[in-house]
Amino acid sequence: MLIVMKPQATEENIRRVCEKIEAMGFRTHPIPGAQRTAIGITGNQGPLEPAEFECLPGVAEAIPVSKPYKLVSREVKSERSLIRVGSGDNLVTIGGRELAIIAGPCAIESREQAFIAAGQVRKAGARLFRGGAFKPRTSPYSFQGLGKEALEILAEVRRQFGLAIVTETIDPENCALVEEYADVLQIGARNMQNFSLLKRAGRSPRPVLLKRGLSATLEEFLMAAEYILSEGNYNVILCERGVRTFADHTRNTLDLSVIPAVKRLSHLPIIVDPSHGTGARDKVTPLARAAVAVGADGLIIEVHPEPERALSDGYQSLYPDQFDALMEQITAIGAILGRTTARD
């Protein structure tokens, strides 16, 4: 259920409603809006009686929420969520007019590699830097990342280049360490339904980038986000990164139709990962252009100074000059739709 407060409702009115809900054994989720505050209720196993709340001072109406994902739904919050990442000169807003461009190598391999990549993507117009410190891989014999050493390198990248840092956390125990260094916690496709990790991310002070699972439906994707919001962290960025289908001409099938579908159902921003979505360098740029055209709020792109020498995902990583050309193209496409990039 969603309790919608009157525009003139006071802080005391809101507090009293929250106290009543919590006294009933449920959780409250106040959601400030431009005109009024709404209060989401979670934890109830069945429908609640609207009259119980509509009689309270400051309450405009109590609305049953039909979707199983309550807090991520537009029924609860009609206006788009803006997710603020970083601080000071590194502050980036995701979901607004500017396209959020996250770029960098699949994995941090060395300080030199990270610094070269960071300088190149920064110059091209990226404002966030991606790089794996912990790499869950299909094969146990593949490069698994440098761990804490990579996190320390990422922190240096932020200081040196003014780029906010996005990197993956792989389990609940790993979260605290990643939080020390990253601006955004990424939850990978393989962990989309790792519910203990989702709950831990929901208690994090950092925004969360949640990737769609390999075979996840839209409802399963949004329910995974609901786990994070239900723990109190409302700063969630969704990411479409391709799903597994019968197609064999591409690593995954990048489902761009999910972008308008998410925007119809949820207030959360959604970005696209055409690198993992296609798994092939020659397909990344066309699909990135298409993602911006259908309304994505940003892109996460793998860029490596020397892809042929990359320890992971080199075949889907762009060369720096290819990324520079891509930025020029999406800047032009974005302008048609009223979107900007840092390259403008």
C-alpha atoms as a PDB file:
ATOM      1  CA  MET A   1       0.000   0.000   0.000  1.00  0.00           C
ATOM      2  CA  LEU A   2       1.035   3.586  -0.662  1.00  0.00           C
ATOM      3  CA  ILE A   3       0.056   6.400   1.690  1.00  0.00           C
ATOM      4  CA  VAL A   4      -0.046   9.718  -0.174  1.00  0.00           C
ATOM      5  CA  MET A   5       0.270  12.759   2.061  1.00  0.00           C
ATOM      6  CA  LYS A   6      -1.352  16.124   1.372  1.00  0.00           C
ATOM      7  CA  PRO A   7       0.915  18.861  -0.033  1.00  0.00           C
ATOM      8  CA  GLN A   8       0.597  20.802   3.222  1.00  0.00           C
ATOM      9  CA  ALA A   9       1.305  17.777   5.471  1.00  0.00           C
ATOM     10  CA  THR A  10       3.827  18.532   8.211  1.00  0.00           C
ATOM     11  CA  GLU A  11       6.814  16.497   9.332  1.00  0.00           C
ATOM     12  CA  GLU A  12       4.788  15.622  12.427  1.00  0.00           C
ATOM     13  CA  ASN A  13       1.952  14.282  10.260  1.00  0.00           C
ATOM     14  CA  ILE A  14       4.400  12.099   8.340  1.00  0.00           C
ATOM     15  CA  ARG A  15       6.037  10.874  11.541  1.00  0.00           C
ATOM     16  CA  ARG A  16       2.690   9.860  13.042  1.00  0.00           C
ATOM     17  CA  VAL A  17       1.757   7.854   9.949  1.00  0.00           C
ATOM     18  CA  CYS A  18       5.121   6.078  10.034  1.00  0.00           C
ATOM     19  CA  GLU A  19       4.719   5.287  13.722  1.00  0.00           C
ATOM     20  CA  LYS A  20       1.296   3.759  13.115  1.00  0.00           C
ATOM     21  CA  ILE A  21       2.599   1.579  10.282  1.00  0.00           C
ATOM     22  CA  GLU A  22       5.573   0.394  12.335  1.00  0.00           C
ATOM     23  CA  ALA A  23       3.319  -0.329  15.324  1.00  0.00           C
ATOM     24  CA  MET A  24       1.434  -2.735  13.043  1.00  0.00           C
ATOM     25  CA  GLY A  25       4.696  -4.608  12.438  1.00  0.00           C
ATOM     26  CA  PHE A  26       5.398  -3.292   8.922  1.00  0.00           C
ATOM     27  CA  ARG A  27       8.240  -1.269   7.401  1.00  0.00           C
ATOM     28  CA  THR A  28       7.883   2.324   6.233  1.00  0.00           C
ATOM     29  CA  HIS A  29       9.559   3.883   3.192  1.00  0.00           C
ATOM     30  CA  PRO A  30       9.001   7.667   3.017  1.00  0.00           C
ATOM     31  CA  ILE A  31       9.444   8.885  -0.576  1.00  0.00           C
ATOM     32  CA  PRO A  32       9.679  12.686  -0.857  1.00  0.00           C
ATOM     33  CA  GLY A  33       8.302  14.133  -4.095  1.00  0.00           C
ATOM     34  CA  ALA A  34       8.267  17.531  -5.739  1.00  0.00           C
ATOM     35  CA  GLN A  35       4.777  18.333  -4.407  1.00  0.00           C
ATOM     36  CA  ARG A  36       4.123  15.835  -1.635  1.00  0.00           C
ATOM     37  CA  THR A  37       5.539  12.878   0.302  1.00  0.00           C
ATOM     38  CA  ALA A  38       4.389   9.311  -0.220  1.00  0.00           C
ATOM     39  CA  ILE A  39       4.976   6.495   2.268  1.00  0.00           C
ATOM     40  CA  GLY A  40       5.413   2.958   0.982  1.00  0.00           C
ATOM     41  CA  ILE A  41       4.509   0.002   3.204  1.00  0.00           C
ATOM     42  CA  THR A  42       6.275  -3.357   2.992  1.00  0.00           C
ATOM     43  CA  GLY A  43       6.083  -6.483   5.115  1.00  0.00           C
ATOM     44  CA  ASN A  44       2.322  -6.973   5.014  1.00  0.00           C
ATOM     45  CA  GLN A  45       1.241 -10.438   3.901  1.00  0.00           C
ATOM     46  CA  GLY A  46      -2.226  -9.375   2.776  1.00  0.00           C
ATOM     47  CA  PRO A  47      -4.212  -6.258   1.816  1.00  0.00           C
ATOM     48  CA  LEU A  48      -4.554  -3.410   4.299  1.00  0.00           C
ATOM     49  CA  GLU A  49      -7.664  -1.377   4.936  1.00  0.00           C
ATOM     50  CA  PRO A  50      -7.260   2.148   3.435  1.00  0.00           C
ATOM     51  CA  ALA A  51      -9.619   3.665   6.017  1.00  0.00           C
ATOM     52  CA  GLU A  52      -7.089   2.884   8.781  1.00  0.00           C
ATOM     53  CA  PHE A  53      -4.765   5.508   7.327  1.00  0.00           C
ATOM     54  CA  GLU A  54      -7.062   7.948   5.534  1.00  0.00           C
ATOM     55  CA  CYS A  55      -8.405   9.167   8.878  1.00  0.00           C
ATOM     56  CA  LEU A  56      -4.933  10.315  10.009  1.00  0.00           C
ATOM     57  CA  PRO A  57      -4.031  14.038   9.842  1.00  0.00           C
ATOM     58  CA  GLY A  58      -2.207  15.013   6.649  1.00  0.00           C
ATOM     59  CA  VAL A  59      -3.158  11.897   4.679  1.00  0.00           C
ATOM     60  CA  ALA A  60      -4.682  12.501   1.234  1.00  0.00           C
ATOM     61  CA  GLU A  61      -5.359   8.881   0.271  1.00  0.00           C
ATOM     62  CA  ALA A  62      -4.235   5.283   0.742  1.00  0.00           C
ATOM     63  CA  ILE A  63      -3.701   3.427  -2.527  1.00  0.00           C
ATOM     64  CA  PRO A  64      -3.314  -0.351  -2.890  1.00  0.00           C
ATOM     65  CA  VAL A  65      -0.232  -1.240  -4.994  1.00  0.00           C
ATOM     66  CA  SER A  66      -0.994  -3.941  -7.534  1.00  0.00           C
ATOM     67  CA  LYS A  67       2.577  -4.793  -8.564  1.00  0.00           C
ATOM     68  CA  PRO A  68       4.600  -7.368  -6.567  1.00  0.00           C
ATOM     69  CA  TYR A  69       7.543  -4.954  -6.805  1.00  0.00           C
ATOM     70  CA  LYS A  70       6.235  -2.087  -4.727  1.00  0.00           C
ATOM     71  CA  LEU A  71       9.082   0.331  -4.109  1.00  0.00           C
ATOM     72  CA  VAL A  72      10.513   0.249  -7.631  1.00  0.00           C
ATOM     73  CA  SER A  73       7.090   0.787  -9.186  1.00  0.00           C
ATOM     74  CA  ARG A  74       5.761   3.991 -10.734  1.00  0.00           C
ATOM     75  CA  GLU A  75       2.624   3.376  -8.685  1.00  0.00           C
ATOM     76  CA  VAL A  76       4.693   4.342  -5.643  1.00  0.00           C
ATOM     77  CA  LYS A  77       6.763   7.077  -7.278  1.00  0.00           C
ATOM     78  CA  SER A  78       5.590   8.610 -10.535  1.00  0.00           C
ATOM     79  CA  GLU A  79       8.601  10.865 -11.147  1.00  0.00           C
ATOM     80  CA  ARG A  80      11.968   9.510 -12.272  1.00  0.00           C
ATOM     81  CA  SER A  81      14.610   8.818  -9.660  1.00  0.00           C
ATOM     82  CA  LEU A  82      17.891  10.676 -10.005  1.00  0.00           C
ATOM     83  CA  ILE A  83      20.835   8.749  -8.602  1.00  0.00           C
ATOM     84  CA  ARG A  84      23.748  10.908  -7.461  1.00  0.00           C
ATOM     85  CA  VAL A  85      27.148   9.259  -7.600  1.00  0.00           C
ATOM     86  CA  GLY A  86      30.392  10.560  -6.120  1.00  0.00           C
ATOM     87  CA  SER A  87      30.871  14.008  -4.594  1.00  0.00           C
ATOM     88  CA  GLY A  88      32.342  17.401  -5.326  1.00  0.00           C
ATOM     89  CA  ASP A  89      33.913  17.608  -8.778  1.00  0.00           C
ATOM     90  CA  ASN A  90      33.267  13.862  -9.193  1.00  0.00           C
ATOM     91  CA  LEU A  91      29.493  14.207  -8.702  1.00  0.00           C
ATOM     92  CA  VAL A  92      27.461  12.576 -11.485  1.00  0.00           C
ATOM     93  CA  THR A  93      23.662  12.368 -11.680  1.00  0.00           C
ATOM     94  CA  ILE A  94      22.271   9.257 -13.362  1.00  0.00           C
ATOM     95  CA  GLY A  95      18.752   9.402 -14.750  1.00  0.00           C
ATOM     96  CA  GLY A  96      18.753  13.084 -15.614  1.00  0.00           C
ATOM     97  CA  ARG A  97      19.411  14.944 -18.851  1.00  0.00           C
ATOM     98  CA  GLU A  98      23.066  13.932 -19.108  1.00  0.00           C
ATOM     99  CA  LEU A  99      23.797  10.403 -20.318  1.00  0.00           C
ATOM    100  CA  ALA A 100      25.878   8.503 -17.772  1.00  0.00           C
ATOM    101  CA  ILE A 101      28.895   7.057 -19.568  1.00  0.00           C
ATOM    102  CA  ILE A 102      30.841   4.425 -17.638  1.00  0.00           C
ATOM    103  CA  ALA A 103      33.957   3.151 -19.396  1.00  0.00           C
ATOM    104  CA  GLY A 104      37.129   1.237 -18.705  1.00  0.00           C
ATOM    105  CA  PRO A 105      38.667  -2.227 -18.873  1.00  0.00           C
ATOM    106  CA  CYS A 106      36.927  -5.426 -17.867  1.00  0.00           C
ATOM    107  CA  ALA A 107      39.559  -5.974 -15.185  1.00  0.00           C
ATOM    108  CA  ILE A 108      42.275  -3.926 -13.534  1.00  0.00           C
ATOM    109  CA  GLU A 109      45.519  -5.627 -14.597  1.00  0.00           C
ATOM    110  CA  SER A 110      48.090  -3.065 -13.426  1.00  0.00           C
ATOM    111  CA  ARG A 111      48.395   0.548 -12.319  1.00  0.00           C
ATOM    112  CA  GLU A 112      49.849   1.501 -15.694  1.00  0.00           C
ATOM    113  CA  GLN A 113      47.007  -0.137 -17.650  1.00  0.00           C
ATOM    114  CA  ALA A 114      44.351   1.500 -15.455  1.00  0.00           C
ATOM    115  CA  PHE A 115      45.916   4.970 -15.701  1.00  0.00           C
ATOM    116  CA  ILE A 116      46.282   4.804 -19.476  1.00  0.00           C
ATOM    117  CA  ALA A 117      42.666   3.647 -19.867  1.00  0.00           C
ATOM    118  CA  ALA A 118      41.362   6.266 -17.431  1.00  0.00           C
ATOM    119  CA  GLY A 119      43.108   9.095 -19.242  1.00  0.00           C
ATOM    120  CA  GLN A 120      41.756   7.931 -22.576  1.00  0.00           C
ATOM    121  CA  VAL A 121      38.121   7.499 -21.550  1.00  0.00           C
ATOM    122  CA  ARG A 122      38.146  10.730 -19.550  1.00  0.00           C
ATOM    123  CA  LYS A 123      39.408  12.661 -22.555  1.00  0.00           C
ATOM    124  CA  ALA A 124      36.670  11.113 -24.727  1.00  0.00           C
ATOM    125  CA  GLY A 125      33.911  12.217 -22.330  1.00  0.00           C
ATOM    126  CA  ALA A 126      33.322   9.424 -19.790  1.00  0.00           C
ATOM    127  CA  ARG A 127      32.654  10.573 -16.232  1.00  0.00           C
ATOM    128  CA  LEU A 128      32.658   7.184 -14.513  1.00  0.00           C
ATOM    129  CA  PHE A 129      35.347   4.497 -14.653  1.00  0.00           C
ATOM    130  CA  ARG A 130      34.677   0.766 -14.602  1.00  0.00           C
ATOM    131  CA  GLY A 131      37.249  -1.867 -13.713  1.00  0.00           C
ATOM    132  CA  GLY A 132      36.961  -5.256 -12.074  1.00  0.00           C
ATOM    133  CA  ALA A 133      38.890  -5.995  -8.890  1.00  0.00           C
ATOM    134  CA  PHE A 134      37.126  -9.290  -8.206  1.00  0.00           C
ATOM    135  CA  LYS A 135      36.202 -11.242 -11.330  1.00  0.00           C
ATOM    136  CA  PRO A 136      33.751 -14.158 -11.060  1.00  0.00           C
ATOM    137  CA  ARG A 137      34.598 -16.157 -14.181  1.00  0.00           C
ATOM    138  CA  THR A 138      33.078 -19.163 -15.904  1.00  0.00           C
ATOM    139  CA  SER A 139      36.374 -21.050 -15.607  1.00  0.00           C
ATOM    140  CA  PRO A 140      38.178 -21.330 -12.253  1.00  0.00           C
ATOM    141  CA  TYR A 141      41.456 -21.124 -14.191  1.00  0.00           C
ATOM    142  CA  SER A 142      40.725 -17.713 -15.736  1.00  0.00           C
ATOM    143  CA  PHE A 143      42.113 -14.458 -14.332  1.00  0.00           C
ATOM    144  CA  GLN A 144      40.131 -13.681 -11.173  1.00  0.00           C
ATOM    145  CA  GLY A 145      41.278 -10.103 -10.592  1.00  0.00           C
ATOM    146  CA  LEU A 146      43.843  -8.402  -8.341  1.00  0.00           C
ATOM    147  CA  GLY A 147      41.467  -7.952  -5.407  1.00  0.00           C
ATOM    148  CA  LYS A 148      42.373  -5.240  -2.906  1.00  0.00           C
ATOM    149  CA  GLU A 149      45.369  -4.133  -4.978  1.00  0.00           C
ATOM    150  CA  ALA A 150      42.975  -3.305  -7.824  1.00  0.00           C
ATOM    151  CA  LEU A 151      40.693  -1.374  -5.474  1.00  0.00           C
ATOM    152  CA  GLU A 152      43.641   0.746  -4.355  1.00  0.00           C
ATOM    153  CA  ILE A 153      44.505   1.447  -7.994  1.00  0.00           C
ATOM    154  CA  LEU A 154      40.883   2.467  -8.648  1.00  0.00           C
ATOM    155  CA  ALA A 155      41.028   4.903  -5.732  1.00  0.00           C
ATOM    156  CA  GLU A 156      44.125   6.448  -7.316  1.00  0.00           C
ATOM    157  CA  VAL A 157      42.283   6.732 -10.628  1.00  0.00           C
ATOM    158  CA  ARG A 158      39.517   8.693  -8.920  1.00  0.00           C
ATOM    159  CA  ARG A 159      41.990  11.117  -7.353  1.00  0.00           C
ATOM    160  CA  GLN A 160      44.084  11.546 -10.491  1.00  0.00           C
ATOM    161  CA  PHE A 161      41.378  11.765 -13.158  1.00  0.00           C
ATOM    162  CA  GLY A 162      38.225  12.869 -11.305  1.00  0.00           C
ATOM    163  CA  LEU A 163      36.291   9.781 -12.384  1.00  0.00           C
ATOM    164  CA  ALA A 164      33.724   8.149 -10.113  1.00  0.00           C
ATOM    165  CA  ILE A 165      34.448   4.432  -9.636  1.00  0.00           C
ATOM    166  CA  VAL A 166      32.146   1.508 -10.493  1.00  0.00           C
ATOM    167  CA  THR A 167      33.315  -1.986  -9.544  1.00  0.00           C
ATOM    168  CA  GLU A 168      31.767  -5.332  -8.722  1.00  0.00           C
ATOM    169  CA  THR A 169      31.103  -6.842  -5.325  1.00  0.00           C
ATOM    170  CA  ILE A 170      30.715 -10.605  -5.363  1.00  0.00           C
ATOM    171  CA  ASP A 171      29.341 -11.620  -1.958  1.00  0.00           C
ATOM    172  CA  PRO A 172      28.047 -10.069   1.291  1.00  0.00           C
ATOM    173  CA  GLU A 173      31.422 -10.454   3.013  1.00  0.00           C
ATOM    174  CA  ASN A 174      33.139  -8.614   0.170  1.00  0.00           C
ATOM    175  CA  CYS A 175      30.833  -5.571   0.290  1.00  0.00           C
ATOM    176  CA  ALA A 176      32.485  -3.690   3.136  1.00  0.00           C
ATOM    177  CA  LEU A 177      35.887  -3.749   1.440  1.00  0.00           C
ATOM    178  CA  VAL A 178      34.506  -2.597  -1.914  1.00  0.00           C
ATOM    179  CA  GLU A 179      32.531   0.201  -0.206  1.00  0.00           C
ATOM    180  CA  GLU A 180      35.803   1.670   1.081  1.00  0.00           C
ATOM    181  CA  TYR A 181      37.051   2.305  -2.457  1.00  0.00           C
ATOM    182  CA  ALA A 182      34.113   2.403  -4.898  1.00  0.00           C
ATOM    183  CA  ASP A 183      31.471   5.041  -5.581  1.00  0.00           C
ATOM    184  CA  VAL A 184      29.044   2.450  -7.008  1.00  0.00           C
ATOM    185  CA  LEU A 185      28.687  -1.222  -6.102  1.00  0.00           C
ATOM    186  CA  GLN A 186      28.041  -3.364  -9.166  1.00  0.00           C
ATOM    187  CA  ILE A 187      26.084  -6.598  -8.801  1.00  0.00           C
ATOM    188  CA  GLY A 188      26.800  -8.807 -11.796  1.00  0.00           C
ATOM    189  CA  ALA A 189      24.377 -10.868 -13.842  1.00  0.00           C
ATOM    190  CA  ARG A 190      25.341 -14.116 -12.105  1.00  0.00           C
ATOM    191  CA  ASN A 191      24.454 -12.552  -8.745  1.00  0.00           C
ATOM    192  CA  MET A 192      21.152 -10.897  -9.683  1.00  0.00           C
ATOM    193  CA  GLN A 193      19.278 -13.405  -7.523  1.00  0.00           C
ATOM    194  CA  ASN A 194      21.904 -13.763  -4.822  1.00  0.00           C
ATOM    195  CA  PHE A 195      19.410 -12.568  -2.243  1.00  0.00           C
ATOM    196  CA  SER A 196      21.826 -12.332   0.683  1.00  0.00           C
ATOM    197  CA  LEU A 197      24.050 -10.077  -1.452  1.00  0.00           C
ATOM    198  CA  LEU A 198      21.051  -7.983  -2.541  1.00  0.00           C
ATOM    199  CA  LYS A 199      20.011  -7.487   1.091  1.00  0.00           C
ATOM    200  CA  ARG A 200      23.546  -6.488   2.078  1.00  0.00           C
ATOM    201  CA  ALA A 201      23.697  -4.034  -0.838  1.00  0.00           C
ATOM    202  CA  GLY A 202      20.387  -2.663   0.413  1.00  0.00           C
ATOM    203  CA  ARG A 203      22.134  -1.625   3.624  1.00  0.00           C
ATOM    204  CA  SER A 204      25.058  -0.012   1.807  1.00  0.00           C
ATOM    205  CA  PRO A 205      25.629   3.765   1.754  1.00  0.00           C
ATOM    206  CA  ARG A 206      26.725   3.418  -1.891  1.00  0.00           C
ATOM    207  CA  PRO A 207      24.495   3.402  -4.987  1.00  0.00           C
ATOM    208  CA  VAL A 208      24.067  -0.020  -6.589  1.00  0.00           C
ATOM    209  CA  LEU A 209      24.339  -0.919 -10.277  1.00  0.00           C
ATOM    210  CA  LEU A 210      22.211  -4.054 -10.726  1.00  0.00           C
ATOM    211  CA  LYS A 211      22.737  -6.097 -13.895  1.00  0.00           C
ATOM    212  CA  ARG A 212      19.959  -8.217 -15.349  1.00  0.00           C
ATOM    213  CA  GLY A 213      20.450 -11.968 -14.931  1.00  0.00           C
ATOM    214  CA  LEU A 214      21.308 -14.250 -17.820  1.00  0.00           C
ATOM    215  CA  SER A 215      17.743 -15.531 -18.222  1.00  0.00           C
ATOM    216  CA  ALA A 216      15.778 -13.117 -16.041  1.00  0.00           C
ATOM    217  CA  THR A 217      12.324 -11.880 -16.960  1.00  0.00           C
ATOM    218  CA  LEU A 218      11.505  -8.222 -16.490  1.00  0.00           C
ATOM    219  CA  GLU A 219       9.529  -9.001 -13.341  1.00  0.00           C
ATOM    220  CA  GLU A 220      12.400 -11.016 -11.868  1.00  0.00           C
ATOM    221  CA  PHE A 221      14.770  -8.146 -12.669  1.00  0.00           C
ATOM    222  CA  LEU A 222      12.550  -5.604 -10.913  1.00  0.00           C
ATOM    223  CA  MET A 223      11.966  -7.926  -7.958  1.00  0.00           C
ATOM    224  CA  ALA A 224      15.752  -8.189  -7.508  1.00  0.00           C
ATOM    225  CA  ALA A 225      15.872  -4.388  -7.338  1.00  0.00           C
ATOM    226  CA  GLU A 226      13.002  -4.507  -4.839  1.00  0.00           C
ATOM    227  CA  TYR A 227      15.188  -6.543  -2.479  1.00  0.00           C
ATOM    228  CA  ILE A 228      17.712  -3.695  -2.400  1.00  0.00           C
ATOM    229  CA  LEU A 229      15.135  -0.928  -1.936  1.00  0.00           C
ATOM    230  CA  SER A 230      13.287  -2.889   0.742  1.00  0.00           C
ATOM    231  CA  GLU A 231      16.411  -2.713   2.920  1.00  0.00           C
ATOM    232  CA  GLY A 232      16.488   1.090   2.664  1.00  0.00           C
ATOM    233  CA  ASN A 233      18.879   1.790  -0.226  1.00  0.00           C
ATOM    234  CA  TYR A 234      16.824   3.607  -2.885  1.00  0.00           C
ATOM    235  CA  ASN A 235      19.845   4.454  -5.053  1.00  0.00           C
ATOM    236  CA  VAL A 236      19.630   1.657  -7.608  1.00  0.00           C
ATOM    237  CA  ILE A 237      20.625   1.810 -11.276  1.00  0.00           C
ATOM    238  CA  LEU A 238      19.347  -0.989 -13.491  1.00  0.00           C
ATOM    239  CA  CYS A 239      21.505  -2.383 -16.291  1.00  0.00           C
ATOM    240  CA  GLU A 240      20.452  -4.408 -19.336  1.00  0.00           C
ATOM    241  CA  ARG A 241      23.409  -6.593 -20.398  1.00  0.00           C
ATOM    242  CA  GLY A 242      21.842  -9.191 -22.656  1.00  0.00           C
ATOM    243  CA  VAL A 243      20.039 -12.444 -21.999  1.00  0.00           C
ATOM    244  CA  ARG A 244      20.752 -15.982 -23.123  1.00  0.00           C
ATOM    245  CA  THR A 245      18.751 -17.170 -26.150  1.00  0.00           C
ATOM    246  CA  PHE A 246      19.113 -19.682 -28.994  1.00  0.00           C
ATOM    247  CA  ALA A 247      21.092 -17.166 -31.084  1.00  0.00           C
ATOM    248  CA  ASP A 248      24.686 -18.141 -31.835  1.00  0.00           C
ATOM    249  CA  HIS A 249      25.847 -15.081 -33.783  1.00  0.00           C
ATOM    250  CA  THR A 250      26.334 -13.101 -30.566  1.00  0.00           C
ATOM    251  CA  ARG A 251      27.415 -13.844 -26.993  1.00  0.00           C
ATOM    252  CA  ASN A 252      24.038 -12.756 -25.603  1.00  0.00           C
ATOM    253  CA  THR A 253      20.907 -11.200 -27.052  1.00  0.00           C
ATOM    254  CA  LEU A 254      20.787  -7.547 -26.057  1.00  0.00           C
ATOM    255  CA  ASP A 255      17.161  -6.852 -25.189  1.00  0.00           C
ATOM    256  CA  LEU A 256      16.706  -3.159 -25.980  1.00  0.00           C
ATOM    257  CA  SER A 257      12.920  -3.518 -25.748  1.00  0.00           C
ATOM    258  CA  VAL A 258      13.339  -3.756 -21.990  1.00  0.00           C
ATOM    259  CA  ILE A 259      14.359  -0.061 -21.827  1.00  0.00           C
ATOM    260  CA  PRO A 260      10.923   1.443 -22.604  1.00  0.00           C
ATOM    261  CA  ALA A 261       9.298  -1.406 -20.651  1.00  0.00           C
ATOM    262  CA  VAL A 262      11.280  -0.523 -17.513  1.00  0.00           C
ATOM    263  CA  LYS A 263      10.568   3.179 -17.937  1.00  0.00           C
ATOM    264  CA  ARG A 264       6.829   2.454 -18.107  1.00  0.00           C
ATOM    265  CA  LEU A 265       6.832   0.323 -14.955  1.00  0.00           C
ATOM    266  CA  SER A 266       9.595   1.777 -12.779  1.00  0.00           C
ATOM    267  CA  HIS A 267      11.045   5.114 -11.727  1.00  0.00           C
ATOM    268  CA  LEU A 268      14.600   3.715 -11.563  1.00  0.00           C
ATOM    269  CA  PRO A 269      17.129   4.726 -14.236  1.00  0.00           C
ATOM    270  CA  ILE A 270      18.348   2.036 -16.631  1.00  0.00           C
ATOM    271  CA  ILE A 271      21.608   1.892 -18.558  1.00  0.00           C
ATOM    272  CA  VAL A 272      22.850  -0.600 -21.183  1.00  0.00           C
ATOM    273  CA  ASP A 273      25.987  -2.757 -21.419  1.00  0.00           C
ATOM    274  CA  PRO A 274      26.516  -3.501 -25.130  1.00  0.00           C
ATOM    275  CA  SER A 275      29.936  -5.043 -24.424  1.00  0.00           C
ATOM    276  CA  HIS A 276      28.553  -8.053 -22.528  1.00  0.00           C
ATOM    277  CA  GLY A 277      25.302  -7.801 -24.456  1.00  0.00           C
ATOM    278  CA  THR A 278      27.034  -8.706 -27.713  1.00  0.00           C
ATOM    279  CA  GLY A 279      30.446 -10.069 -26.787  1.00  0.00           C
ATOM    280  CA  ALA A 280      31.927  -8.786 -30.028  1.00  0.00           C
ATOM    281  CA  ARG A 281      33.807  -5.535 -30.610  1.00  0.00           C
ATOM    282  CA  ASP A 282      32.193  -4.848 -33.997  1.00  0.00           C
ATOM    283  CA  LYS A 283      28.700  -5.010 -32.495  1.00  0.00           C
ATOM    284  CA  VAL A 284      29.307  -2.746 -29.473  1.00  0.00           C
ATOM    285  CA  THR A 285      29.118   0.618 -31.252  1.00  0.00           C
ATOM    286  CA  PRO A 286      25.920  -0.079 -33.270  1.00  0.00           C
ATOM    287  CA  LEU A 287      24.105  -1.429 -30.209  1.00  0.00           C
ATOM    288  CA  ALA A 288      25.345   1.455 -28.043  1.00  0.00           C
ATOM    289  CA  ARG A 289      23.904   3.916 -30.559  1.00  0.00           C
ATOM    290  CA  ALA A 290      20.613   2.014 -30.562  1.00  0.00           C
ATOM    291  CA  ALA A 291      20.499   1.961 -26.753  1.00  0.00           C
ATOM    292  CA  VAL A 292      20.698   5.745 -26.590  1.00  0.00           C
ATOM    293  CA  ALA A 293      18.064   6.018 -29.314  1.00  0.00           C
ATOM    294  CA  VAL A 294      15.525   3.919 -27.365  1.00  0.00           C
ATOM    295  CA  GLY A 295      15.973   5.999 -24.206  1.00  0.00           C
ATOM    296  CA  ALA A 296      18.704   4.409 -22.085  1.00  0.00           C
ATOM    297  CA  ASP A 297      20.001   6.682 -19.331  1.00  0.00           C
ATOM    298  CA  GLY A 298      23.588   5.736 -20.040  1.00  0.00           C
ATOM    299  CA  LEU A 299      26.068   3.112 -21.176  1.00  0.00           C
ATOM    300  CA  ILE A 300      28.730   0.939 -19.587  1.00  0.00           C
ATOM    301  CA  ILE A 301      31.438   0.151 -22.136  1.00  0.00           C
ATOM    302  CA  GLU A 302      34.583  -1.954 -21.945  1.00  0.00           C
ATOM    303  CA  VAL A 303      37.605  -0.020 -23.238  1.00  0.00           C
ATOM    304  CA  HIS A 304      41.177  -1.321 -23.105  1.00  0.00           C
ATOM    305  CA  PRO A 305      44.419   0.335 -24.318  1.00  0.00           C
ATOM    306  CA  GLU A 306      45.473  -2.974 -25.904  1.00  0.00           C
ATOM    307  CA  PRO A 307      42.485  -5.337 -26.168  1.00  0.00           C
ATOM    308  CA  GLU A 308      44.552  -8.066 -27.825  1.00  0.00           C
ATOM    309  CA  ARG A 309      46.595  -8.302 -24.591  1.00  0.00           C
ATOM    310  CA  ALA A 310      43.664  -8.060 -22.158  1.00  0.00           C
ATOM    311  CA  LEU A 311      43.454 -10.732 -19.466  1.00  0.00           C
ATOM    312  CA  SER A 312      39.665 -10.847 -19.796  1.00  0.00           C
ATOM    313  CA  ASP A 313      37.064  -9.868 -22.422  1.00  0.00           C
ATOM    314  CA  GLY A 314      39.552  -8.362 -24.860  1.00  0.00           C
ATOM    315  CA  TYR A 315      37.448  -9.493 -27.824  1.00  0.00           C
ATOM    316  CA  GLN A 316      34.564  -7.245 -26.753  1.00  0.00           C
ATOM    317  CA  SER A 317      36.623  -4.266 -25.571  1.00  0.00           C
ATOM    318  CA  LEU A 318      36.829  -1.159 -27.744  1.00  0.00           C
ATOM    319  CA  TYR A 319      40.113   0.425 -28.708  1.00  0.00           C
ATOM    320  CA  PRO A 320      40.391   3.986 -27.346  1.00  0.00           C
ATOM    321  CA  ASP A 321      39.916   5.557 -30.780  1.00  0.00           C
ATOM    322  CA  GLN A 322      36.758   3.487 -31.305  1.00  0.00           C
ATOM    323  CA  PHE A 323      35.397   4.704 -27.980  1.00  0.00           C
ATOM    324  CA  ASP A 324      36.187   8.298 -28.922  1.00  0.00           C
ATOM    325  CA  ALA A 325      34.239   7.875 -32.176  1.00  0.00           C
ATOM    326  CA  LEU A 326      31.353   6.266 -30.286  1.00  0.00           C
ATOM    327  CA  MET A 327      31.172   9.215 -27.886  1.00  0.00           C
ATOM    328  CA  GLU A 328      30.928  11.606 -30.816  1.00  0.00           C
ATOM    329  CA  GLN A 329      28.092   9.571 -32.322  1.00  0.00           C
ATOM    330  CA  ILE A 330      26.015   9.159 -29.159  1.00  0.00           C
ATOM    331  CA  THR A 331      26.453  12.845 -28.373  1.00  0.00           C
ATOM    332  CA  ALA A 332      24.777  13.601 -31.703  1.00  0.00           C
ATOM    333  CA  ILE A 333      22.015  11.024 -31.155  1.00  0.00           C
ATOM    334  CA  GLY A 334      21.429  12.211 -27.599  1.00  0.00           C
ATOM    335  CA  ALA A 335      21.021  15.806 -28.743  1.00  0.00           C
ATOM    336  CA  ILE A 336      18.016  14.807 -30.863  1.00  0.00           C
ATOM    337  CA  LEU A 337      16.384  13.373 -27.729  1.00  0.00           C
ATOM    338  CA  GLY A 338      17.298  16.260 -25.450  1.00  0.00           C
ATOM    339  CA  ARG A 339      20.140  14.346 -23.781  1.00  0.00           C
ATOM    340  CA  THR A 340      23.704  15.564 -23.282  1.00  0.00           C
ATOM    341  CA  THR A 341      27.124  14.079 -22.622  1.00  0.00           C
ATOM    342  CA  ALA A 342      30.221  15.474 -20.908  1.00  0.00           C
ATOM    343  CA  ARG A 343      31.643  15.793 -24.412  1.00  0.00           C
ATOM    344  CA  ASP A 344      29.152  18.582 -25.298  1.00  0.00           C
END
